[in-house]
Each structure stands twice: as structure tokens, then as C-alpha cells.
């Protein structure tokens, strides 16, 4: 570990040179240089170009190995308490404020300066400096320009430097706690060490998974509601079918009632026709006609009305199939002739046929006598 003393006037030149250095073997954000002034065990110490591979600090107890580790943590914006060296920055002052320097002045302040490879871009290193004193006052600078601790942390996050991540920075006093970490916490630190964006994506997946579970629960509820509605719809559909059948029955009943009424009217019309056939046209209530020759009550009629029974209506209705064809023809002709005004001639023809029938039936009786 190279160690050398410098005058404070040369710090500005070192910062200018740091911004121009290019160390391609180093990864971006790697430590290229660290300088300690009045920090814990050291009055002045500097480590330059430790190499891009694994670096080890070897020394006897009390030689300042932990002081270098603590300087790396504090100088990059990490909390002092994770090193178990105190919780106030004044604890880092060499000698605790009770030691004098070579000029005999009481040492009450110090600083840590760290140079990071490509911190400002390719070929441009970044110098981070922390000045502190016994009053716990902190002054932060980036490339010589004063800034805040919050801004320093943001720059470290861009370089993926996480001094509070045990996978990147593990003080010896924290080894025991690291071995007792659970799998979830270890996974978190591993993802953060790979890159904050990996951890953020994992958190987004966790959030989406929680939302997915909620959506599935809502889907199950909606599915149950849908099943209930489908069951209710099926019941209503059966009611609709019964209602349609009822309406169809009502329509059929209406048609049957109409048909029954039509049949009654038809029967009444047929009976009215039968009554019309039973009464001669000149015997109607309003008829002024004289009976024709040979008709009952007319001129040339043999016998008296007492000897001849009055004309009777046929015993069969026009709608009956058992009515003789001659009688049915007479009724049909009568309707036709009366409609045309020739009812007397038709009636006379029918009477003559009836008389001929009776005479034919009486001849056997006279022969028997």
C-alpha cells in the first residue's frame, strides 16, 4: 500500500489530472484512488491504482485496515453506523480532537477523497470529497464543486455503487448478520447488486402478481354472478315458453268459440230454410197470393181441408245425409226459384210428386178391398 504525504495545495492539480485519466481495464465506477487526511488512524494516506482485479489489505491488528474500509464507506455517501465505528462523523477525526499535528495545532478536521473510474463518462474520472470536523459538519464536493450528500448519493446510484448492500460492501462486524438473512432479503440484495433496475422490475412483478390475484378473485365473483343470472334466465325462459303456450291456447280457444258461433248461426239458417220449405208461399203471414190449382185450399182440390191434413214440414234437416235426394233437390230448387221469383211453379211440382206418391201407395189398399 503506497503511502505518501502531500501538501494541500496539490489537491486541485490531482483533481484536474483525475478528470483526464483513462483506465480501460477498470469497470465503470471502480475505485482508482482514495486519499485520507486526519481520518481515524491516518494523518495522511493515499492508495493509487490498486488494480482492476481483487485487492486485499493485509496488516497486523491496529494498523488501520478497518479505517480504510470505513473511509471507503463514508467517502461514497454511506452511513457510518454500518461500520460499527460510531454514528457521528466527528468520530472519524484523527485522535478524536485531542491530538496535535506536526506544527503543534490541534487536529479538529479531516477529509476523504475518492476517485472513481469513468464517473463522468468514458475517460473522465469522478472525484468525490468529504470534509468533516469535530462539530459533525460535513461539506461535499464533486470534482471540486460543492454539492449536497443527496446529490452524491444520486451519482453513486447511477454508478451502481451501494455501500449499504452487504453483497457489495460487507464490514467484518456485519458478517454474522449476513449469514442469518432470509432468502427473500438475500434475493433483494442480490438483485440490487446486479442493478437497481432488476430489483425494480422484480417489485413490479410482485405488484402485478398481487393485482392478478385480486383480478382472479373478482373474476370468480363475477363468474358466480353470471352463473346465477344464467340460472335465473333459464327459469324466466321456461316461464316465457309457458306464457307463449298459454297465449297460443287462448288464441285457439278464441278460434273455437268463433267456429262454434258460426256453426250455431249455420244451424239456425238451416232450420230457418226448413221452416220456409214447410210453408207454401201463399200461406205466409204477409202473402196475398192465391193457392195454385190442385194445392190444398185451392180450386180443384178434392176433399175438404178436414179430409186432407195440412202440409207438414219435412222430418229431415237440409244438413242431414239421410234426407232423400229428391227432397234435397226440391229444397235446393225452391231456394233458387224463390230467389228468382218462381216459387209457385216449384211448389206445385213438388206437390204433384207428393200426390203421385200417395196415390201409388193407396192403389194396393183398394185392390185388397
Protein backbone atom coordinates (compact mmCIF):
# COMPACT_ATOMS: atom_id res chain seq x y z
CA UNK A 1 0.00 0.00 0.00
CA UNK A 2 1.74 3.13 -1.15
CA UNK A 3 1.66 5.96 1.31
CA UNK A 4 2.89 9.47 0.83
CA UNK A 5 2.40 12.88 2.29
CA UNK A 6 1.28 15.84 0.19
CA UNK A 7 0.68 19.50 0.65
CA UNK A 8 -2.93 20.58 0.42
CA UNK A 9 -2.05 22.91 -2.43
CA UNK A 10 -1.53 19.94 -4.74
CA UNK A 11 -5.09 18.61 -4.35
CA UNK A 12 -6.51 20.81 -7.11
CA UNK A 13 -3.89 19.58 -9.56
CA UNK A 14 -4.71 15.98 -8.65
CA UNK A 15 -8.42 16.57 -9.35
CA UNK A 16 -7.60 18.07 -12.78
CA UNK A 17 -5.42 15.12 -13.64
CA UNK A 18 -8.11 12.66 -12.42
CA UNK A 19 -10.65 14.05 -14.87
CA UNK A 20 -8.27 13.25 -17.76
CA UNK A 21 -7.17 9.76 -16.74
CA UNK A 22 -8.32 6.77 -18.74
CA UNK A 23 -8.03 3.30 -17.26
CA UNK A 24 -9.76 0.95 -19.65
CA UNK A 25 -9.12 -2.24 -17.61
CA UNK A 26 -11.28 -0.85 -14.80
CA UNK A 27 -15.04 -1.20 -14.74
CA UNK A 28 -17.08 1.96 -14.68
CA UNK A 29 -17.34 3.23 -11.10
CA UNK A 30 -14.31 1.25 -9.84
CA UNK A 31 -12.07 2.92 -7.21
CA UNK A 32 -8.90 4.21 -8.79
CA UNK A 33 -7.66 6.38 -5.91
CA UNK A 34 -8.57 7.08 -2.27
CA UNK A 35 -6.89 9.66 -0.02
CA UNK A 36 -7.31 10.02 3.75
CA UNK A 37 -6.36 13.12 5.75
CA UNK A 38 -6.68 13.09 9.53
CA UNK A 39 -9.06 10.18 9.23
CA UNK A 40 -9.11 7.75 12.15
CA UNK A 41 -5.72 6.00 12.23
CA UNK A 42 -4.14 8.12 9.47
CA UNK A 43 -2.93 11.67 9.28
CA UNK A 44 -2.25 11.33 5.56
CA UNK A 45 -2.57 8.24 3.39
CA UNK A 46 -3.28 7.60 -0.25
CA UNK A 47 -3.92 4.49 -2.33
CA UNK A 48 -3.49 4.89 -6.09
CA UNK A 49 -4.18 2.44 -8.91
CA UNK A 50 -4.92 -0.66 -6.83
CA UNK A 51 -5.70 -2.68 -9.98
CA UNK A 52 -8.92 -3.85 -11.61
CA UNK A 53 -8.87 -7.31 -10.00
CA UNK A 54 -9.24 -8.48 -6.41
CA UNK A 55 -7.42 -6.30 -3.86
CA UNK A 56 -6.54 -7.26 -0.32
CA UNK A 57 -5.35 -5.11 2.59
CA UNK A 58 -3.07 -7.07 4.89
CA UNK A 59 -1.67 -5.91 8.18
CA UNK A 60 -1.43 -6.54 11.88
CA UNK A 61 -4.17 -5.61 14.26
CA UNK A 62 -4.42 -1.88 14.85
CA UNK A 63 -2.58 -0.85 11.67
CA UNK A 64 -5.65 0.80 10.12
CA UNK A 65 -7.22 -1.79 7.85
CA UNK A 66 -10.73 -1.03 9.16
CA UNK A 67 -10.03 2.71 8.84
CA UNK A 68 -9.56 2.31 5.08
CA UNK A 69 -12.78 0.31 4.80
CA UNK A 70 -14.63 2.93 6.86
CA UNK A 71 -13.21 5.72 4.65
CA UNK A 72 -14.48 3.96 1.51
CA UNK A 73 -17.96 3.71 3.05
CA UNK A 74 -18.21 7.25 4.39
CA UNK A 75 -16.45 8.88 1.42
CA UNK A 76 -19.05 7.47 -1.04
CA UNK A 77 -22.10 8.64 0.92
CA UNK A 78 -22.71 5.60 3.09
CA UNK A 79 -23.79 5.76 6.75
CA UNK A 80 -21.07 5.47 9.35
CA UNK A 81 -23.12 3.23 11.63
CA UNK A 82 -22.93 0.22 9.28
CA UNK A 83 -19.18 0.03 10.05
CA UNK A 84 -19.91 -0.15 13.77
CA UNK A 85 -17.44 2.73 14.30
CA UNK A 86 -19.92 5.21 15.66
CA UNK A 87 -22.88 7.16 14.40
CA UNK A 88 -21.38 10.66 14.14
CA UNK A 89 -18.83 11.88 11.61
CA UNK A 90 -16.81 13.55 14.39
CA UNK A 91 -15.78 10.04 15.47
CA UNK A 92 -13.66 9.85 12.28
CA UNK A 93 -11.38 12.77 13.22
CA UNK A 94 -7.83 11.56 13.91
CA UNK A 95 -7.20 11.39 17.62
CA UNK A 96 -10.75 12.37 18.48
CA UNK A 97 -9.82 16.07 18.53
CA UNK A 98 -7.17 15.69 21.21
CA UNK A 99 -4.08 15.19 19.03
CA UNK A 100 -1.84 17.93 17.54
CA UNK A 101 -0.26 17.93 14.12
CA UNK A 102 3.40 18.48 13.29
CA UNK A 103 3.03 22.26 13.65
CA UNK A 104 1.51 21.84 17.10
CA UNK A 105 -2.03 22.71 16.05
CA UNK A 106 -4.93 20.70 17.46
CA UNK A 107 -6.38 18.38 14.81
CA UNK A 108 -10.17 19.02 14.66
CA UNK A 109 -10.98 18.25 10.99
CA UNK A 110 -10.16 15.93 8.13
CA UNK A 111 -11.32 14.75 4.71
CA UNK A 112 -11.70 11.70 2.48
CA UNK A 113 -11.18 11.94 -1.27
CA UNK A 114 -12.18 9.12 -3.64
CA UNK A 115 -11.60 8.92 -7.40
CA UNK A 116 -13.93 6.74 -9.47
CA UNK A 117 -13.15 5.46 -12.98
CA UNK A 118 -15.31 6.92 -15.77
CA UNK A 119 -17.53 8.60 -13.19
CA UNK A 120 -18.17 11.49 -15.57
CA UNK A 121 -18.26 9.42 -18.71
CA UNK A 122 -15.73 7.43 -20.76
CA UNK A 123 -12.20 8.66 -19.97
CA UNK A 124 -13.42 11.14 -17.35
CA UNK A 125 -13.00 10.10 -13.74
CA UNK A 126 -15.09 11.50 -10.91
CA UNK A 127 -13.59 12.84 -7.65
CA UNK A 128 -15.79 12.78 -4.56
CA UNK A 129 -14.56 14.63 -1.44
CA UNK A 130 -15.98 14.80 2.07
CA UNK A 131 -14.68 17.38 4.57
CA UNK A 132 -15.71 16.97 8.21
CA UNK A 133 -14.81 18.32 11.65
CA UNK A 134 -15.43 17.81 15.32
CA UNK A 135 -18.71 19.74 15.13
CA UNK A 136 -20.15 16.99 12.85
CA UNK A 137 -20.19 19.40 9.96
CA UNK A 138 -19.97 17.84 6.50
CA UNK A 139 -19.01 19.51 3.24
CA UNK A 140 -19.39 17.53 0.00
CA UNK A 141 -17.70 18.26 -3.32
CA UNK A 142 -17.89 16.66 -6.77
CA UNK A 143 -14.86 17.45 -8.93
CA UNK A 144 -14.10 20.38 -6.61
CA UNK A 145 -17.60 21.89 -6.80
CA UNK A 146 -19.53 22.00 -3.54
CA UNK A 147 -22.74 19.92 -3.53
CA UNK A 148 -25.03 18.02 -1.17
CA UNK A 149 -24.97 14.50 0.20
CA UNK A 150 -28.24 13.76 -1.58
CA UNK A 151 -26.68 14.62 -4.93
CA UNK A 152 -23.68 12.46 -4.13
CA UNK A 153 -25.97 9.50 -3.42
CA UNK A 154 -27.73 10.03 -6.74
CA UNK A 155 -24.39 9.96 -8.60
CA UNK A 156 -23.40 6.80 -6.73
CA UNK A 157 -26.73 5.17 -7.65
CA UNK A 158 -26.07 5.91 -11.33
CA UNK A 159 -22.72 4.16 -10.98
CA UNK A 160 -24.44 1.24 -9.15
CA UNK A 161 -22.35 1.81 -6.02
CA UNK A 162 -24.29 0.55 -2.98
CA UNK A 163 -22.30 0.81 0.22
CA UNK A 164 -25.35 -0.28 2.22
CA UNK A 165 -25.67 -3.53 0.26
CA UNK A 166 -23.88 -6.43 2.03
CA UNK A 167 -23.22 -8.07 -1.34
CA UNK A 168 -21.15 -5.03 -2.38
CA UNK A 169 -19.85 -3.78 0.94
CA UNK A 170 -19.64 -6.14 3.91
CA UNK A 171 -17.78 -4.91 7.01
CA UNK A 172 -16.38 -7.60 9.21
CA UNK A 173 -18.75 -6.70 12.01
CA UNK A 174 -21.72 -7.41 9.70
CA UNK A 175 -20.68 -10.88 8.60
CA UNK A 176 -22.72 -12.56 11.33
CA UNK A 177 -25.85 -10.66 10.35
CA UNK A 178 -25.33 -11.53 6.70
CA UNK A 179 -25.34 -15.27 7.43
CA UNK A 180 -28.70 -15.01 9.22
CA UNK A 181 -30.51 -13.22 6.39
CA UNK A 182 -33.57 -14.89 4.94
CA UNK A 183 -33.90 -15.93 1.29
CA UNK A 184 -36.15 -13.01 0.42
CA UNK A 185 -33.74 -10.43 1.80
CA UNK A 186 -30.78 -12.15 0.16
CA UNK A 187 -32.62 -12.12 -3.18
CA UNK A 188 -33.30 -8.43 -2.75
CA UNK A 189 -29.65 -7.60 -2.08
CA UNK A 190 -28.55 -9.81 -4.96
CA UNK A 191 -30.87 -8.06 -7.40
CA UNK A 192 -29.78 -4.66 -6.12
CA UNK A 193 -26.13 -5.65 -6.56
CA UNK A 194 -26.81 -6.66 -10.17
CA UNK A 195 -28.58 -3.40 -10.84
CA UNK A 196 -31.39 -1.36 -9.30
CA UNK A 197 -33.45 -1.79 -12.44
CA UNK A 198 -33.52 -5.57 -11.87
CA UNK A 199 -34.90 -5.07 -8.38
CA UNK A 200 -37.43 -2.55 -9.66
CA UNK A 201 -38.66 -4.99 -12.30
CA UNK A 202 -38.99 -7.65 -9.63
CA UNK A 203 -41.04 -5.28 -7.49
CA UNK A 204 -43.24 -4.52 -10.47
CA UNK A 205 -43.76 -8.25 -10.99
CA UNK A 206 -44.73 -8.61 -7.32
CA UNK A 207 -47.21 -5.75 -7.67
CA UNK A 208 -48.65 -7.21 -10.87
CA UNK A 209 -48.94 -10.62 -9.23
CA UNK A 210 -50.90 -9.10 -6.35
CA UNK A 211 -53.16 -7.32 -8.83
CA UNK A 212 -53.58 -10.58 -10.75
CA UNK A 213 -54.76 -12.32 -7.58
CA UNK A 214 -57.28 -9.56 -7.00
CA UNK A 215 -58.46 -9.81 -10.60
CA UNK A 216 -58.86 -13.58 -10.24
CA UNK A 217 -60.90 -13.08 -7.09
CA UNK A 218 -63.11 -10.56 -8.85
CA UNK A 219 -63.35 -12.91 -11.82
CA UNK A 220 -64.53 -15.72 -9.56
CA UNK A 221 -67.14 -13.42 -8.04
CA UNK A 222 -68.29 -12.24 -11.45
CA UNK A 223 -68.41 -15.83 -12.72
CA UNK A 224 -70.65 -16.84 -9.81
CA UNK A 225 -72.88 -13.85 -10.51
CA UNK A 226 -73.00 -14.84 -14.18
CA UNK A 227 -73.97 -18.41 -13.28
CA UNK A 228 -76.74 -17.13 -11.02
CA UNK A 229 -78.01 -14.84 -13.78
CA UNK A 230 -77.93 -17.69 -16.30
CA UNK A 231 -79.95 -19.85 -13.91
CA UNK A 232 -82.47 -17.05 -13.44
CA UNK A 233 -82.57 -16.55 -17.20
CA UNK A 234 -83.29 -20.24 -17.74
CA UNK A 235 -86.16 -20.06 -15.25
CA UNK A 236 -87.54 -16.98 -16.98
CA UNK A 237 -87.18 -18.70 -20.34
CA UNK A 238 -89.36 -21.55 -19.09
CA UNK A 239 -91.89 -19.00 -17.87
CA UNK A 240 -91.81 -17.36 -21.31
CA UNK A 241 -92.41 -20.70 -23.00
CA UNK A 242 -95.37 -21.41 -20.71
CA UNK A 243 -96.71 -17.93 -21.37
CA UNK A 244 -96.40 -18.40 -25.12
CA UNK A 245 -98.17 -21.76 -24.85
CA UNK A 246 -100.91 -20.12 -22.79
CA UNK A 247 -101.32 -17.37 -25.36
CA UNK A 248 -101.47 -19.96 -28.14
CA UNK A 249 -104.18 -21.84 -26.21
CA UNK A 250 -106.13 -18.62 -25.76
CA UNK A 251 -105.91 -17.95 -29.48
CA UNK A 252 -107.08 -21.48 -30.28
CA UNK A 253 -109.93 -21.11 -27.80
CA UNK A 254 -110.95 -17.86 -29.42
CA UNK A 255 -110.96 -19.55 -32.81
CA UNK A 256 -113.01 -22.46 -31.45
CA UNK A 257 -115.53 -20.06 -29.92
CA UNK A 258 -115.79 -18.26 -33.22
CA UNK A 259 -116.27 -21.54 -35.05
CA UNK A 260 -118.94 -22.65 -32.55
CA UNK A 261 -120.78 -19.39 -33.05
CA UNK A 262 -120.53 -19.85 -36.80
CA UNK A 263 -121.93 -23.39 -36.51
CA UNK A 264 -124.83 -22.14 -34.41
CA UNK A 265 -125.60 -19.48 -36.98
CA UNK A 266 -125.38 -22.04 -39.78
CA UNK A 267 -127.72 -24.41 -37.96
CA UNK A 268 -130.13 -21.57 -37.32
CA UNK A 269 -130.03 -20.68 -41.01
CA UNK A 270 -130.67 -24.31 -41.98
CA UNK A 271 -133.66 -24.58 -39.60
CA UNK A 272 -134.99 -21.35 -40.99
CA UNK A 273 -134.74 -22.85 -44.51
CA UNK A 274 -136.63 -25.94 -43.32
CA UNK A 275 -139.44 -23.76 -41.97
CA UNK A 276 -139.51 -21.89 -45.27
CA UNK A 277 -139.93 -25.18 -47.18
CA UNK A 278 -142.81 -26.25 -44.87
CA UNK A 279 -144.98 -23.16 -45.59
CA UNK A 280 -146.33 -22.54 -49.13
CA UNK A 281 -145.59 -19.13 -50.50
CA UNK A 282 -149.28 -18.13 -50.48
CA UNK A 283 -149.73 -19.16 -46.81
CA UNK A 284 -147.11 -16.88 -45.40
CA UNK A 285 -148.11 -14.27 -42.85
CA UNK A 286 -147.82 -11.47 -45.39
CA UNK A 287 -148.71 -13.38 -48.56
CA UNK A 288 -151.62 -12.20 -50.71
CA UNK A 289 -151.28 -14.86 -53.37
CA UNK A 290 -153.99 -17.39 -54.21
CA UNK A 291 -153.18 -21.08 -53.96
CA UNK A 292 -152.46 -22.77 -57.25
CA UNK A 293 -154.67 -25.34 -58.92
CA UNK A 294 -154.60 -28.66 -57.02
CA UNK A 295 -152.96 -27.25 -53.96
CA UNK A 296 -154.54 -27.66 -50.52
CA UNK A 297 -157.09 -24.88 -50.14
CA UNK A 298 -157.02 -24.11 -53.89
CA UNK A 299 -159.56 -24.62 -56.62
CA UNK A 300 -159.99 -28.17 -57.86
CA UNK A 301 -158.79 -29.67 -54.60
CA UNK A 302 -160.50 -32.95 -53.90
CA UNK A 303 -161.96 -33.22 -50.46
CA UNK A 304 -162.20 -30.70 -47.73
CA UNK A 305 -159.43 -29.37 -45.51
CA UNK A 306 -160.69 -31.70 -42.76
CA UNK A 307 -160.19 -34.70 -45.01
CA UNK A 308 -156.71 -33.52 -46.02
CA UNK A 309 -154.15 -32.89 -43.30
CA UNK A 310 -152.24 -29.67 -43.50
CA UNK A 311 -148.87 -29.76 -45.17
CA UNK A 312 -146.16 -30.77 -42.75
CA UNK A 313 -142.52 -29.82 -42.72
CA UNK A 314 -140.05 -32.50 -43.76
CA UNK A 315 -138.73 -34.55 -40.89
CA UNK A 316 -135.15 -34.21 -42.02
CA UNK A 317 -132.94 -31.15 -41.89
CA UNK A 318 -131.22 -30.00 -45.06
CA UNK A 319 -127.89 -30.74 -43.42
CA UNK A 320 -128.78 -34.42 -42.73
CA UNK A 321 -127.31 -37.02 -45.04
CA UNK A 322 -130.45 -39.22 -44.62
CA UNK A 323 -132.72 -36.73 -46.41
CA UNK A 324 -133.91 -38.22 -49.75
CA UNK A 325 -132.15 -36.90 -52.76
CA UNK A 326 -135.44 -35.78 -54.35
CA UNK A 327 -136.40 -33.78 -51.27
CA UNK A 328 -132.94 -32.20 -51.07
CA UNK A 329 -133.17 -31.32 -54.75
CA UNK A 330 -136.60 -29.80 -54.19
CA UNK A 331 -135.26 -27.69 -51.31
CA UNK A 332 -132.33 -26.51 -53.37
CA UNK A 333 -134.55 -25.71 -56.30
CA UNK A 334 -137.03 -23.95 -54.05
CA UNK A 335 -134.33 -21.64 -52.75
CA UNK A 336 -133.23 -20.94 -56.27
CA UNK A 337 -136.70 -20.35 -57.65
CA UNK A 338 -137.81 -18.18 -54.75
CA UNK A 339 -134.73 -16.13 -55.15
CA UNK A 340 -135.71 -15.65 -58.82
CA UNK A 341 -139.47 -15.18 -58.20
CA UNK A 342 -140.64 -18.65 -59.47
CA UNK A 343 -141.59 -20.21 -56.14
CA UNK A 344 -145.22 -21.12 -57.14
CA UNK A 345 -144.27 -23.38 -60.01
CA UNK A 346 -141.64 -25.18 -57.97
CA UNK A 347 -144.04 -25.73 -55.11
CA UNK A 348 -146.73 -27.06 -57.47
CA UNK A 349 -144.29 -29.56 -58.96
CA UNK A 350 -143.34 -30.80 -55.54
CA UNK A 351 -146.99 -31.16 -54.51
CA UNK A 352 -147.75 -33.16 -57.62
CA UNK A 353 -144.90 -35.54 -56.85
CA UNK A 354 -146.14 -36.00 -53.31
CA UNK A 355 -149.70 -36.70 -54.54
CA UNK A 356 -148.44 -39.23 -57.06
CA UNK A 357 -146.57 -40.98 -54.28
CA UNK A 358 -149.64 -41.19 -52.08
CA UNK A 359 -151.80 -42.45 -54.90
CA UNK A 360 -149.29 -45.18 -55.69
CA UNK A 361 -149.37 -46.26 -52.06
CA UNK A 362 -153.26 -46.25 -51.95
CA UNK A 363 -153.76 -48.45 -55.04
CA UNK A 364 -152.75 -51.69 -53.30
CA UNK A 365 -155.21 -50.91 -50.50
CA UNK A 366 -158.15 -50.51 -52.91
CA UNK A 367 -157.17 -53.77 -54.63
CA UNK A 368 -157.19 -55.54 -51.32
CA UNK A 369 -160.64 -54.28 -50.55
